[in-house]
Protein backbone atom coordinates (compact mmCIF):
# COMPACT_ATOMS: atom_id res chain seq x y z
CA MET A 1 88.63 152.17 90.76
CA ALA A 2 86.88 155.14 92.30
CA ASN A 3 83.17 155.62 91.77
CA LYS A 4 82.36 159.04 90.35
CA LEU A 5 78.62 158.54 90.97
CA MET A 6 79.01 158.86 94.74
CA ASP A 7 79.17 162.64 95.12
CA PRO A 8 79.62 164.26 98.55
CA ILE A 9 75.87 164.87 98.95
CA GLY A 10 75.14 161.21 98.13
CA LYS A 11 77.67 160.10 100.73
CA LEU A 12 76.10 162.34 103.38
CA MET A 13 72.63 161.00 102.56
CA GLY A 14 74.00 157.47 103.00
CA LEU A 15 75.07 158.37 106.53
CA ARG A 16 71.53 159.43 107.44
CA TYR A 17 69.50 156.93 105.41
CA LYS A 18 70.02 153.37 104.29
CA SER A 19 71.69 153.38 100.88
CA HIS A 20 70.02 151.42 98.11
CA PRO A 21 72.25 148.33 97.78
CA TRP A 22 72.18 148.36 93.98
CA HIS A 23 72.67 152.07 93.29
CA GLY A 24 73.88 153.61 96.55
CA VAL A 25 76.73 151.27 97.52
CA GLU A 26 80.13 151.53 95.85
CA ILE A 27 81.66 148.52 94.12
CA GLY A 28 84.84 149.14 96.14
CA PRO A 29 88.22 150.81 95.64
CA ASP A 30 89.98 147.52 94.80
CA ALA A 31 87.58 146.39 92.04
CA PRO A 32 87.79 144.23 90.00
CA GLU A 33 90.26 142.21 92.13
CA VAL A 34 88.10 142.60 95.26
CA VAL A 35 84.48 143.71 94.97
CA ILE A 36 81.78 144.68 97.42
CA SER A 37 78.91 142.20 97.20
CA PHE A 38 75.41 142.65 98.59
CA ILE A 39 74.29 139.28 99.97
CA GLU A 40 70.58 138.54 99.65
CA MET A 41 70.55 134.84 100.65
CA VAL A 42 72.60 132.37 102.67
CA PRO A 43 72.62 128.54 102.46
CA THR A 44 70.26 128.14 105.42
CA ASP A 45 67.47 130.28 103.93
CA THR A 46 64.25 128.39 103.21
CA VAL A 47 62.69 131.24 101.23
CA LYS A 48 64.05 133.17 98.28
CA TYR A 49 64.88 136.77 99.14
CA GLU A 50 65.58 139.47 96.61
CA VAL A 51 66.12 143.20 96.75
CA ASP A 52 63.08 145.27 95.91
CA LYS A 53 64.33 147.43 93.03
CA VAL A 54 62.35 150.47 94.19
CA THR A 55 63.02 150.57 97.95
CA GLY A 56 66.26 148.61 98.27
CA TYR A 57 64.85 146.48 101.08
CA LEU A 58 64.92 142.69 101.01
CA LYS A 59 61.61 141.09 100.23
CA ILE A 60 60.45 137.49 100.20
CA ASP A 61 60.02 136.38 96.62
CA ARG A 62 58.75 132.86 97.38
CA PRO A 63 59.45 129.74 99.42
CA GLN A 64 62.23 127.52 98.08
CA LYS A 65 60.36 124.89 96.06
CA TYR A 66 63.21 122.49 95.48
CA SER A 67 65.30 120.29 97.72
CA ASN A 68 68.33 122.34 96.81
CA ALA A 69 69.22 125.61 98.44
CA VAL A 70 71.94 128.07 97.55
CA PRO A 71 75.28 126.41 98.39
CA ALA A 72 77.04 129.73 98.99
CA LEU A 73 76.31 133.31 99.92
CA TYR A 74 74.22 134.64 97.04
CA GLY A 75 73.63 138.20 95.96
CA PHE A 76 74.87 140.80 93.49
CA ILE A 77 77.57 143.34 92.82
CA PRO A 78 76.35 146.93 93.39
CA GLN A 79 76.35 149.36 90.46
CA THR A 80 76.61 146.60 87.84
CA TYR A 81 74.10 145.90 85.12
CA SER A 82 73.47 142.85 82.96
CA GLY A 83 72.66 144.72 79.79
CA ASP A 84 74.05 145.12 76.30
CA SER A 85 77.72 144.33 77.01
CA VAL A 86 76.92 141.17 79.02
CA ALA A 87 74.49 140.07 76.32
CA ALA A 88 77.06 140.75 73.57
CA LEU A 89 79.61 138.55 75.31
CA ALA A 90 77.03 135.77 75.76
CA ARG A 91 76.02 136.03 72.09
CA GLU A 92 79.67 135.83 71.04
CA LYS A 93 80.39 132.79 73.21
CA THR A 94 77.19 130.86 72.42
CA GLY A 95 76.43 131.90 68.86
CA ASN A 96 72.83 132.69 69.91
CA GLU A 97 72.02 136.10 68.43
CA LYS A 98 68.71 136.38 70.35
CA ILE A 99 70.32 136.82 73.79
CA VAL A 100 69.68 140.07 75.70
CA GLY A 101 70.73 141.14 79.19
CA ASP A 102 68.35 140.40 82.06
CA ALA A 103 68.35 144.05 83.23
CA ASP A 104 69.44 143.10 86.76
CA PRO A 105 72.70 143.64 88.63
CA VAL A 106 75.37 140.97 88.05
CA ASP A 107 74.83 138.01 90.41
CA ILE A 108 77.59 136.65 92.63
CA CYS A 109 78.06 133.51 94.72
CA VAL A 110 80.58 134.01 97.52
CA LEU A 111 82.30 130.95 98.96
CA THR A 112 83.46 130.98 102.56
CA GLU A 113 84.35 128.47 105.25
CA LYS A 114 82.33 130.52 107.75
CA GLN A 115 78.64 130.13 108.48
CA ILE A 116 76.83 133.40 107.86
CA SER A 117 73.40 133.44 109.49
CA HIS A 118 71.55 136.03 107.40
CA GLY A 119 71.62 138.13 104.27
CA ASP A 120 71.19 141.91 103.87
CA ILE A 121 74.92 142.36 104.39
CA LEU A 122 77.90 143.65 102.42
CA VAL A 123 80.83 141.28 101.83
CA ARG A 124 84.21 141.96 100.26
CA ALA A 125 84.84 139.15 97.79
CA ARG A 126 87.59 138.09 95.35
CA PRO A 127 86.12 136.84 92.03
CA ILE A 128 87.65 133.58 90.77
CA GLY A 129 85.35 132.54 87.91
CA GLY A 130 81.74 132.24 86.93
CA PHE A 131 78.82 130.53 85.22
CA ARG A 132 77.41 131.71 81.93
CA MET A 133 73.66 131.21 82.22
CA ILE A 134 71.04 131.79 79.58
CA ASP A 135 67.40 131.84 80.73
CA ASN A 136 64.73 132.40 78.09
CA ASN A 137 67.34 134.14 75.90
CA GLN A 138 68.40 136.42 78.76
CA ALA A 139 72.01 136.45 80.00
CA ASP A 140 71.97 135.75 83.76
CA ASP A 141 75.64 135.09 84.52
CA LYS A 142 76.80 134.24 88.04
CA LEU A 143 80.24 135.26 89.25
CA ILE A 144 81.95 132.90 91.69
CA ALA A 145 84.09 134.51 94.38
CA VAL A 146 85.80 133.74 97.68
CA MET A 147 85.24 135.97 100.69
CA ASN A 148 88.25 138.27 100.92
CA ASN A 149 90.73 137.13 103.58
CA ASP A 150 88.77 133.90 104.17
CA ALA A 151 90.99 131.19 105.63
CA SER A 152 90.19 128.99 102.63
CA ALA A 153 91.10 131.65 100.05
CA PRO A 154 94.72 130.51 99.51
CA GLU A 155 93.46 127.03 98.53
CA TRP A 156 91.50 128.34 95.55
CA ASP A 157 93.18 128.28 92.18
CA PRO A 158 91.44 130.89 90.00
CA ALA A 159 92.29 128.85 86.90
CA ASN A 160 90.30 125.86 88.18
CA ILE A 161 87.25 126.63 90.30
CA ALA A 162 86.07 123.03 89.99
CA THR A 163 88.82 121.74 92.32
CA PRO A 164 86.92 120.14 95.25
CA LYS A 165 87.45 121.63 98.68
CA PRO A 166 86.35 119.32 101.52
CA HIS A 167 84.87 122.11 103.66
CA LEU A 168 83.22 124.16 100.91
CA PRO A 169 80.33 123.45 98.50
CA THR A 170 81.37 121.49 95.43
CA ASP A 171 78.07 121.52 93.56
CA LEU A 172 77.58 125.13 92.54
CA THR A 173 75.15 124.00 89.86
CA SER A 174 72.56 123.56 92.61
CA ILE A 175 72.01 127.32 92.72
CA PRO A 176 68.28 127.71 92.02
CA ASP A 177 67.28 129.79 89.03
CA GLU A 178 64.99 132.42 90.48
CA SER A 179 63.54 133.41 87.14
CA ARG A 180 61.99 130.04 86.27
CA PRO A 181 60.10 128.79 89.35
CA GLU A 182 57.88 126.50 87.31
CA THR A 183 60.76 124.23 86.23
CA LYS A 184 61.75 121.17 88.23
CA ALA A 185 65.49 121.62 87.68
CA PRO A 186 67.29 124.84 88.50
CA TRP A 187 68.26 125.30 84.83
CA ASN A 188 69.06 123.39 81.69
CA GLU A 189 72.55 122.03 82.39
CA ALA A 190 73.41 122.31 78.69
CA GLU A 191 73.16 126.09 79.06
CA VAL A 192 75.62 126.35 81.97
CA VAL A 193 79.23 127.12 81.04
CA LEU A 194 82.03 127.41 83.60
CA THR A 195 84.41 130.28 82.90
CA SER A 196 87.47 131.60 84.64
């Protein structure tokens, strides 16, 4: 799936300057089977990082306030947008006609057996499922993926992402919800739906 937005001038600019990870990085030639993911946070991070939408640099949003941290590499898929089509699917599946998109790129959690020490990296990942999340009537879905060519990748059955793996995180519901820092729980568990 070639990206027609990346014209030759844009590619040359990317060689000289850092590309904006949301708009200036391609989703990858093998999408949707394998996608490029921009990783903002890793499980060892004690603060919440997010990409500044204007500059493309990582910024500290806030310290992690809860005992839970992200259990996997956490970031987004470049050149995606949680807008009308994501909201329409969430409205159809939940019956809640008030849902809108959160106007952010689509989030992704990438599982791997490897320890990655920092974010601000690009990772090729194979999507295997996801969470439907609704936060204040905004669709904030999270895709679940396995790092491409990870040694654990053959163990994952895309039809059942809940199958426990002894060396990988099993509680993906501990992913903190960055848009509601005042709550004690990451999100209302009744609003989390596993999909595949």
